Amino acid sequence: MVQGLVRLTLLAVLLLSGCAVTPPAEKAEPVTADTELQGSPAMALLSRAEQARAQGETGAASRYLERALTMAPNSSWLYRELALLRLEEGDGHAAEGFAQRALRLAPDNDDYRAELWELVAAARAEQGDRSGADEARARAQALRQPDRA
């Protein structure tokens, strides 16, 4: 009889634990230049780089970004911007290197990391590395759907 009661109690605990509801995970704050560089003089250089890039002056944009990195060497955002610039210039190898560096420095934000993996995928595709691009896209997808990974 005691064994039956223990089994019944254990069964009830197992059933009830399956009904437990976990609250949804808090959505991480979006990563932007402002969140990474707020109050840094690198922000002004980033702004100048964006203006130069918009005017087609990629060399000047690159110089501004590289100077900004001397002020904020751990900014994932600045490495992301350099990766985008190199990709725009058609330099997939350099773009991948900067995107990988951005990933190493990236804050814990799945959406931002997924975006960076998409950037790696684009850089690899630019280099003709189709399987590497597919792998990077899969990593981005896994970050966007963590429950299915």
N, C-alpha and C. Protein backbone atom coordinates (compact mmCIF):
# COMPACT_ATOMS: atom_id res chain seq x y z
N MET A 1 0.82 -1.20 0.00
CA MET A 1 0.00 0.00 0.00
C MET A 1 0.86 1.26 0.00
N VAL A 2 1.95 1.24 0.79
CA VAL A 2 2.84 2.39 0.83
C VAL A 2 3.49 2.58 -0.52
N GLN A 3 3.89 1.47 -1.17
CA GLN A 3 4.50 1.58 -2.49
C GLN A 3 3.52 2.19 -3.48
N GLY A 4 2.29 1.81 -3.41
CA GLY A 4 1.27 2.36 -4.29
C GLY A 4 1.08 3.85 -4.07
N LEU A 5 1.12 4.27 -2.80
CA LEU A 5 0.98 5.68 -2.47
C LEU A 5 2.17 6.48 -2.98
N VAL A 6 3.39 5.90 -2.85
CA VAL A 6 4.60 6.56 -3.35
C VAL A 6 4.53 6.71 -4.86
N ARG A 7 4.10 5.64 -5.54
CA ARG A 7 3.98 5.70 -7.00
C ARG A 7 2.95 6.74 -7.43
N LEU A 8 1.84 6.78 -6.71
CA LEU A 8 0.79 7.74 -7.03
C LEU A 8 1.28 9.17 -6.81
N THR A 9 2.01 9.39 -5.73
CA THR A 9 2.57 10.71 -5.44
C THR A 9 3.58 11.11 -6.51
N LEU A 10 4.45 10.16 -6.87
CA LEU A 10 5.44 10.43 -7.90
C LEU A 10 4.77 10.74 -9.24
N LEU A 11 3.74 10.00 -9.57
CA LEU A 11 3.00 10.24 -10.80
C LEU A 11 2.37 11.63 -10.79
N ALA A 12 1.79 12.01 -9.67
CA ALA A 12 1.17 13.33 -9.55
C ALA A 12 2.21 14.44 -9.71
N VAL A 13 3.38 14.25 -9.09
CA VAL A 13 4.45 15.26 -9.20
C VAL A 13 4.91 15.38 -10.65
N LEU A 14 5.08 14.26 -11.32
CA LEU A 14 5.51 14.29 -12.71
C LEU A 14 4.48 14.97 -13.60
N LEU A 15 3.23 14.67 -13.39
CA LEU A 15 2.17 15.29 -14.18
C LEU A 15 2.10 16.78 -13.94
N LEU A 16 2.19 17.18 -12.68
CA LEU A 16 2.12 18.60 -12.36
C LEU A 16 3.34 19.36 -12.86
N SER A 17 4.50 18.74 -12.83
CA SER A 17 5.70 19.44 -13.30
C SER A 17 5.62 19.67 -14.80
N GLY A 18 4.93 18.81 -15.52
CA GLY A 18 4.75 19.02 -16.95
C GLY A 18 3.82 20.17 -17.26
N CYS A 19 3.02 20.57 -16.28
CA CYS A 19 2.08 21.66 -16.47
C CYS A 19 2.67 23.01 -16.06
N ALA A 20 3.86 22.99 -15.50
CA ALA A 20 4.45 24.24 -15.05
C ALA A 20 4.69 25.16 -16.24
N VAL A 21 4.40 26.40 -16.04
CA VAL A 21 4.57 27.39 -17.10
C VAL A 21 5.76 28.25 -16.75
N THR A 22 6.69 28.34 -17.68
CA THR A 22 7.82 29.22 -17.46
C THR A 22 7.53 30.54 -18.14
N PRO A 23 7.85 31.63 -17.49
CA PRO A 23 7.59 32.93 -18.12
C PRO A 23 8.46 33.10 -19.35
N PRO A 24 7.98 33.86 -20.33
CA PRO A 24 8.78 34.07 -21.53
C PRO A 24 10.07 34.81 -21.18
N ALA A 25 11.12 34.48 -21.89
CA ALA A 25 12.40 35.14 -21.65
C ALA A 25 12.29 36.62 -22.01
N GLU A 26 12.98 37.42 -21.22
CA GLU A 26 12.97 38.86 -21.52
C GLU A 26 13.69 39.11 -22.84
N LYS A 27 13.12 39.98 -23.62
CA LYS A 27 13.73 40.34 -24.89
C LYS A 27 14.92 41.25 -24.61
N ALA A 28 16.07 40.89 -25.15
CA ALA A 28 17.27 41.69 -24.93
C ALA A 28 17.13 43.03 -25.64
N GLU A 29 17.74 44.04 -25.05
CA GLU A 29 17.73 45.37 -25.66
C GLU A 29 18.44 45.30 -27.01
N PRO A 30 17.87 45.92 -28.04
CA PRO A 30 18.52 45.89 -29.36
C PRO A 30 19.91 46.51 -29.29
N VAL A 31 20.82 45.96 -30.07
CA VAL A 31 22.17 46.50 -30.14
C VAL A 31 22.20 47.54 -31.25
N THR A 32 22.66 48.72 -30.92
CA THR A 32 22.81 49.81 -31.88
C THR A 32 24.13 50.51 -31.61
N ALA A 33 24.48 51.42 -32.47
CA ALA A 33 25.68 52.21 -32.23
C ALA A 33 25.54 52.96 -30.92
N ASP A 34 24.35 53.48 -30.64
CA ASP A 34 24.13 54.23 -29.40
C ASP A 34 24.35 53.36 -28.16
N THR A 35 23.88 52.12 -28.20
CA THR A 35 24.03 51.27 -27.01
C THR A 35 25.48 50.91 -26.77
N GLU A 36 26.27 50.81 -27.81
CA GLU A 36 27.68 50.45 -27.64
C GLU A 36 28.61 51.64 -27.47
N LEU A 37 28.27 52.76 -28.07
CA LEU A 37 29.22 53.87 -28.12
C LEU A 37 28.73 55.13 -27.40
N GLN A 38 27.66 55.03 -26.68
CA GLN A 38 27.10 56.21 -26.01
C GLN A 38 28.16 56.90 -25.16
N GLY A 39 28.33 58.17 -25.41
CA GLY A 39 29.28 58.98 -24.64
C GLY A 39 30.72 58.86 -25.11
N SER A 40 30.99 58.03 -26.10
CA SER A 40 32.35 57.86 -26.60
C SER A 40 32.61 58.83 -27.75
N PRO A 41 33.82 59.37 -27.83
CA PRO A 41 34.15 60.22 -28.99
C PRO A 41 34.13 59.43 -30.29
N ALA A 42 34.15 58.11 -30.20
CA ALA A 42 34.08 57.28 -31.40
C ALA A 42 32.76 57.47 -32.13
N MET A 43 31.73 57.89 -31.41
CA MET A 43 30.41 58.09 -32.01
C MET A 43 30.46 59.17 -33.11
N ALA A 44 31.21 60.22 -32.86
CA ALA A 44 31.33 61.29 -33.86
C ALA A 44 32.04 60.78 -35.11
N LEU A 45 33.05 59.93 -34.91
CA LEU A 45 33.77 59.37 -36.05
C LEU A 45 32.88 58.40 -36.83
N LEU A 46 32.06 57.66 -36.12
CA LEU A 46 31.12 56.77 -36.79
C LEU A 46 30.16 57.59 -37.66
N SER A 47 29.70 58.69 -37.13
CA SER A 47 28.79 59.56 -37.88
C SER A 47 29.48 60.08 -39.15
N ARG A 48 30.73 60.48 -39.01
CA ARG A 48 31.48 60.95 -40.19
C ARG A 48 31.67 59.82 -41.20
N ALA A 49 31.92 58.62 -40.69
CA ALA A 49 32.09 57.47 -41.58
C ALA A 49 30.81 57.20 -42.36
N GLU A 50 29.67 57.29 -41.67
CA GLU A 50 28.39 57.07 -42.33
C GLU A 50 28.15 58.11 -43.43
N GLN A 51 28.52 59.37 -43.15
CA GLN A 51 28.36 60.43 -44.15
C GLN A 51 29.26 60.17 -45.36
N ALA A 52 30.51 59.80 -45.09
CA ALA A 52 31.45 59.54 -46.18
C ALA A 52 30.98 58.36 -47.03
N ARG A 53 30.49 57.33 -46.37
CA ARG A 53 30.00 56.15 -47.08
C ARG A 53 28.80 56.50 -47.96
N ALA A 54 27.91 57.32 -47.43
CA ALA A 54 26.73 57.73 -48.19
C ALA A 54 27.12 58.53 -49.44
N GLN A 55 28.27 59.20 -49.37
CA GLN A 55 28.75 59.99 -50.51
C GLN A 55 29.67 59.17 -51.43
N GLY A 56 29.78 57.88 -51.12
CA GLY A 56 30.59 57.01 -51.95
C GLY A 56 32.08 57.07 -51.66
N GLU A 57 32.45 57.72 -50.60
CA GLU A 57 33.87 57.86 -50.23
C GLU A 57 34.24 56.74 -49.24
N THR A 58 34.38 55.53 -49.78
CA THR A 58 34.62 54.39 -48.90
C THR A 58 35.99 54.44 -48.23
N GLY A 59 36.97 55.02 -48.89
CA GLY A 59 38.30 55.14 -48.28
C GLY A 59 38.25 56.02 -47.04
N ALA A 60 37.57 57.14 -47.14
CA ALA A 60 37.44 58.04 -45.99
C ALA A 60 36.61 57.38 -44.90
N ALA A 61 35.55 56.70 -45.29
CA ALA A 61 34.71 56.00 -44.31
C ALA A 61 35.54 54.98 -43.54
N SER A 62 36.38 54.25 -44.25
CA SER A 62 37.24 53.25 -43.63
C SER A 62 38.19 53.89 -42.62
N ARG A 63 38.79 55.00 -43.01
CA ARG A 63 39.72 55.70 -42.10
C ARG A 63 39.01 56.17 -40.84
N TYR A 64 37.81 56.71 -40.98
CA TYR A 64 37.05 57.15 -39.80
C TYR A 64 36.73 55.98 -38.87
N LEU A 65 36.33 54.86 -39.47
CA LEU A 65 35.99 53.69 -38.65
C LEU A 65 37.23 53.14 -37.93
N GLU A 66 38.35 53.11 -38.64
CA GLU A 66 39.58 52.61 -38.02
C GLU A 66 40.03 53.53 -36.88
N ARG A 67 39.87 54.83 -37.06
CA ARG A 67 40.19 55.77 -35.97
C ARG A 67 39.23 55.58 -34.80
N ALA A 68 37.98 55.34 -35.10
CA ALA A 68 36.99 55.11 -34.04
C ALA A 68 37.36 53.87 -33.23
N LEU A 69 37.88 52.86 -33.91
CA LEU A 69 38.28 51.64 -33.21
C LEU A 69 39.44 51.87 -32.24
N THR A 70 40.27 52.86 -32.51
CA THR A 70 41.34 53.15 -31.55
C THR A 70 40.76 53.72 -30.26
N MET A 71 39.60 54.33 -30.34
CA MET A 71 38.93 54.89 -29.16
C MET A 71 38.02 53.88 -28.48
N ALA A 72 37.49 52.96 -29.25
CA ALA A 72 36.56 51.96 -28.72
C ALA A 72 36.93 50.59 -29.31
N PRO A 73 38.07 50.03 -28.90
CA PRO A 73 38.58 48.81 -29.52
C PRO A 73 37.73 47.57 -29.29
N ASN A 74 36.81 47.62 -28.35
CA ASN A 74 35.96 46.46 -28.07
C ASN A 74 34.53 46.64 -28.57
N SER A 75 34.37 47.52 -29.54
CA SER A 75 33.04 47.78 -30.08
C SER A 75 32.71 46.81 -31.21
N SER A 76 31.80 45.93 -30.93
CA SER A 76 31.31 45.02 -31.95
C SER A 76 30.69 45.79 -33.11
N TRP A 77 30.00 46.88 -32.78
CA TRP A 77 29.31 47.67 -33.81
C TRP A 77 30.28 48.23 -34.84
N LEU A 78 31.42 48.73 -34.38
CA LEU A 78 32.39 49.30 -35.32
C LEU A 78 32.96 48.22 -36.24
N TYR A 79 33.23 47.03 -35.70
CA TYR A 79 33.70 45.93 -36.55
C TYR A 79 32.61 45.52 -37.54
N ARG A 80 31.37 45.56 -37.10
CA ARG A 80 30.24 45.26 -37.99
C ARG A 80 30.22 46.25 -39.15
N GLU A 81 30.40 47.53 -38.82
CA GLU A 81 30.38 48.56 -39.86
C GLU A 81 31.53 48.38 -40.85
N LEU A 82 32.71 48.02 -40.33
CA LEU A 82 33.84 47.76 -41.24
C LEU A 82 33.56 46.55 -42.12
N ALA A 83 32.93 45.53 -41.56
CA ALA A 83 32.58 44.35 -42.35
C ALA A 83 31.62 44.72 -43.48
N LEU A 84 30.61 45.52 -43.16
CA LEU A 84 29.66 45.96 -44.18
C LEU A 84 30.35 46.77 -45.27
N LEU A 85 31.26 47.63 -44.86
CA LEU A 85 31.99 48.46 -45.82
C LEU A 85 32.85 47.60 -46.74
N ARG A 86 33.57 46.63 -46.18
CA ARG A 86 34.42 45.75 -46.99
C ARG A 86 33.56 44.90 -47.94
N LEU A 87 32.41 44.48 -47.47
CA LEU A 87 31.51 43.71 -48.33
C LEU A 87 31.03 44.57 -49.49
N GLU A 88 30.72 45.81 -49.19
CA GLU A 88 30.29 46.76 -50.23
C GLU A 88 31.41 46.95 -51.26
N GLU A 89 32.66 46.91 -50.81
CA GLU A 89 33.81 47.08 -51.70
C GLU A 89 34.15 45.79 -52.46
N GLY A 90 33.48 44.68 -52.09
CA GLY A 90 33.75 43.42 -52.75
C GLY A 90 34.87 42.60 -52.14
N ASP A 91 35.32 42.98 -50.95
CA ASP A 91 36.39 42.26 -50.27
C ASP A 91 35.80 41.31 -49.23
N GLY A 92 35.35 40.15 -49.72
CA GLY A 92 34.70 39.17 -48.86
C GLY A 92 35.58 38.65 -47.75
N HIS A 93 36.87 38.49 -48.04
CA HIS A 93 37.79 37.96 -47.02
C HIS A 93 37.90 38.91 -45.83
N ALA A 94 38.14 40.17 -46.11
CA ALA A 94 38.23 41.16 -45.03
C ALA A 94 36.88 41.31 -44.32
N ALA A 95 35.80 41.29 -45.09
CA ALA A 95 34.46 41.42 -44.50
C ALA A 95 34.21 40.29 -43.51
N GLU A 96 34.58 39.07 -43.89
CA GLU A 96 34.38 37.93 -42.98
C GLU A 96 35.21 38.10 -41.71
N GLY A 97 36.44 38.54 -41.86
CA GLY A 97 37.30 38.74 -40.69
C GLY A 97 36.72 39.75 -39.72
N PHE A 98 36.24 40.86 -40.24
CA PHE A 98 35.64 41.88 -39.37
C PHE A 98 34.34 41.39 -38.75
N ALA A 99 33.53 40.65 -39.52
CA ALA A 99 32.28 40.11 -38.98
C ALA A 99 32.55 39.10 -37.87
N GLN A 100 33.57 38.27 -38.06
CA GLN A 100 33.94 37.30 -37.02
C GLN A 100 34.41 38.02 -35.76
N ARG A 101 35.16 39.09 -35.93
CA ARG A 101 35.61 39.87 -34.77
C ARG A 101 34.41 40.49 -34.06
N ALA A 102 33.47 41.00 -34.83
CA ALA A 102 32.24 41.57 -34.25
C ALA A 102 31.50 40.51 -33.44
N LEU A 103 31.45 39.29 -33.96
CA LEU A 103 30.79 38.20 -33.23
C LEU A 103 31.48 37.91 -31.91
N ARG A 104 32.81 37.91 -31.90
CA ARG A 104 33.54 37.63 -30.66
C ARG A 104 33.27 38.70 -29.60
N LEU A 105 33.03 39.91 -30.04
CA LEU A 105 32.81 41.02 -29.10
C LEU A 105 31.34 41.32 -28.84
N ALA A 106 30.47 40.66 -29.57
CA ALA A 106 29.03 40.97 -29.51
C ALA A 106 28.44 40.70 -28.13
N PRO A 107 27.54 41.59 -27.72
CA PRO A 107 26.83 41.33 -26.47
C PRO A 107 25.89 40.15 -26.64
N ASP A 108 25.37 39.66 -25.54
CA ASP A 108 24.50 38.50 -25.56
C ASP A 108 23.11 38.91 -26.04
N ASN A 109 22.96 38.95 -27.35
CA ASN A 109 21.71 39.35 -27.98
C ASN A 109 21.54 38.49 -29.23
N ASP A 110 20.61 37.56 -29.19
CA ASP A 110 20.45 36.60 -30.28
C ASP A 110 20.13 37.26 -31.62
N ASP A 111 19.29 38.30 -31.61
CA ASP A 111 18.94 38.97 -32.87
C ASP A 111 20.17 39.60 -33.51
N TYR A 112 20.98 40.27 -32.69
CA TYR A 112 22.19 40.91 -33.21
C TYR A 112 23.19 39.87 -33.69
N ARG A 113 23.37 38.81 -32.92
CA ARG A 113 24.30 37.75 -33.33
C ARG A 113 23.82 37.09 -34.62
N ALA A 114 22.52 36.91 -34.78
CA ALA A 114 21.98 36.33 -36.01
C ALA A 114 22.30 37.25 -37.19
N GLU A 115 22.15 38.55 -36.98
CA GLU A 115 22.49 39.52 -38.04
C GLU A 115 23.97 39.40 -38.42
N LEU A 116 24.82 39.24 -37.42
CA LEU A 116 26.25 39.11 -37.70
C LEU A 116 26.56 37.81 -38.45
N TRP A 117 25.86 36.72 -38.11
CA TRP A 117 26.06 35.48 -38.85
C TRP A 117 25.59 35.61 -40.29
N GLU A 118 24.53 36.40 -40.52
CA GLU A 118 24.10 36.66 -41.90
C GLU A 118 25.18 37.44 -42.66
N LEU A 119 25.84 38.34 -41.96
CA LEU A 119 26.94 39.09 -42.56
C LEU A 119 28.10 38.16 -42.91
N VAL A 120 28.41 37.22 -42.02
CA VAL A 120 29.44 36.21 -42.31
C VAL A 120 29.02 35.41 -43.54
N ALA A 121 27.75 35.03 -43.62
CA ALA A 121 27.25 34.26 -44.76
C ALA A 121 27.43 35.04 -46.06
N ALA A 122 27.11 36.32 -46.04
CA ALA A 122 27.27 37.15 -47.24
C ALA A 122 28.74 37.26 -47.64
N ALA A 123 29.61 37.40 -46.64
CA ALA A 123 31.04 37.50 -46.93
C ALA A 123 31.57 36.20 -47.52
N ARG A 124 31.12 35.09 -46.97
CA ARG A 124 31.56 33.79 -47.50
C ARG A 124 31.02 33.58 -48.92
N ALA A 125 29.80 33.98 -49.16
CA ALA A 125 29.23 33.87 -50.51
C ALA A 125 30.03 34.72 -51.48
N GLU A 126 30.44 35.90 -51.05
CA GLU A 126 31.27 36.79 -51.88
C GLU A 126 32.58 36.11 -52.27
N GLN A 127 33.08 35.25 -51.38
CA GLN A 127 34.33 34.53 -51.63
C GLN A 127 34.11 33.23 -52.41
N GLY A 128 32.85 32.90 -52.70
CA GLY A 128 32.54 31.68 -53.43
C GLY A 128 32.45 30.45 -52.54
N ASP A 129 32.38 30.65 -51.22
CA ASP A 129 32.30 29.55 -50.26
C ASP A 129 30.83 29.27 -49.95
N ARG A 130 30.19 28.51 -50.84
CA ARG A 130 28.76 28.24 -50.72
C ARG A 130 28.42 27.44 -49.45
N SER A 131 29.19 26.41 -49.15
CA SER A 131 28.89 25.60 -47.96
C SER A 131 29.14 26.39 -46.69
N GLY A 132 30.18 27.22 -46.67
CA GLY A 132 30.44 28.08 -45.51
C GLY A 132 29.32 29.09 -45.32
N ALA A 133 28.80 29.62 -46.41
CA ALA A 133 27.69 30.57 -46.33
C ALA A 133 26.44 29.88 -45.78
N ASP A 134 26.19 28.65 -46.25
CA ASP A 134 25.03 27.89 -45.76
C ASP A 134 25.16 27.61 -44.26
N GLU A 135 26.36 27.27 -43.83
CA GLU A 135 26.61 27.00 -42.41
C GLU A 135 26.34 28.25 -41.56
N ALA A 136 26.81 29.40 -42.05
CA ALA A 136 26.61 30.65 -41.31
C ALA A 136 25.12 31.01 -41.27
N ARG A 137 24.39 30.79 -42.36
CA ARG A 137 22.95 31.05 -42.37
C ARG A 137 22.22 30.15 -41.39
N ALA A 138 22.67 28.90 -41.30
CA ALA A 138 22.06 27.96 -40.35
C ALA A 138 22.28 28.42 -38.91
N ARG A 139 23.45 28.95 -38.64
CA ARG A 139 23.73 29.46 -37.29
C ARG A 139 22.86 30.67 -36.99
N ALA A 140 22.66 31.51 -37.98
CA ALA A 140 21.77 32.66 -37.80
C ALA A 140 20.35 32.20 -37.52
N GLN A 141 19.90 31.22 -38.28
CA GLN A 141 18.54 30.68 -38.10
C GLN A 141 18.37 30.07 -36.72
N ALA A 142 19.37 29.36 -36.25
CA ALA A 142 19.31 28.74 -34.92
C ALA A 142 19.18 29.80 -33.84
N LEU A 143 19.81 30.94 -34.03
CA LEU A 143 19.70 32.03 -33.05
C LEU A 143 18.33 32.68 -33.08
N ARG A 144 17.73 32.70 -34.25
CA ARG A 144 16.39 33.31 -34.37
C ARG A 144 15.31 32.41 -33.83
N GLN A 145 15.55 31.10 -33.80
CA GLN A 145 14.58 30.13 -33.32
C GLN A 145 15.25 29.22 -32.30
N PRO A 146 15.62 29.75 -31.13
CA PRO A 146 16.38 28.95 -30.14
C PRO A 146 15.64 27.72 -29.65
N ASP A 147 14.31 27.72 -29.67
CA ASP A 147 13.54 26.56 -29.19
C ASP A 147 13.67 25.37 -30.14
N ARG A 148 13.99 25.64 -31.39
CA ARG A 148 14.07 24.57 -32.39
C ARG A 148 15.50 24.11 -32.63
N ALA A 149 16.47 24.77 -32.01
CA ALA A 149 17.88 24.44 -32.26
C ALA A 149 18.27 23.16 -31.56
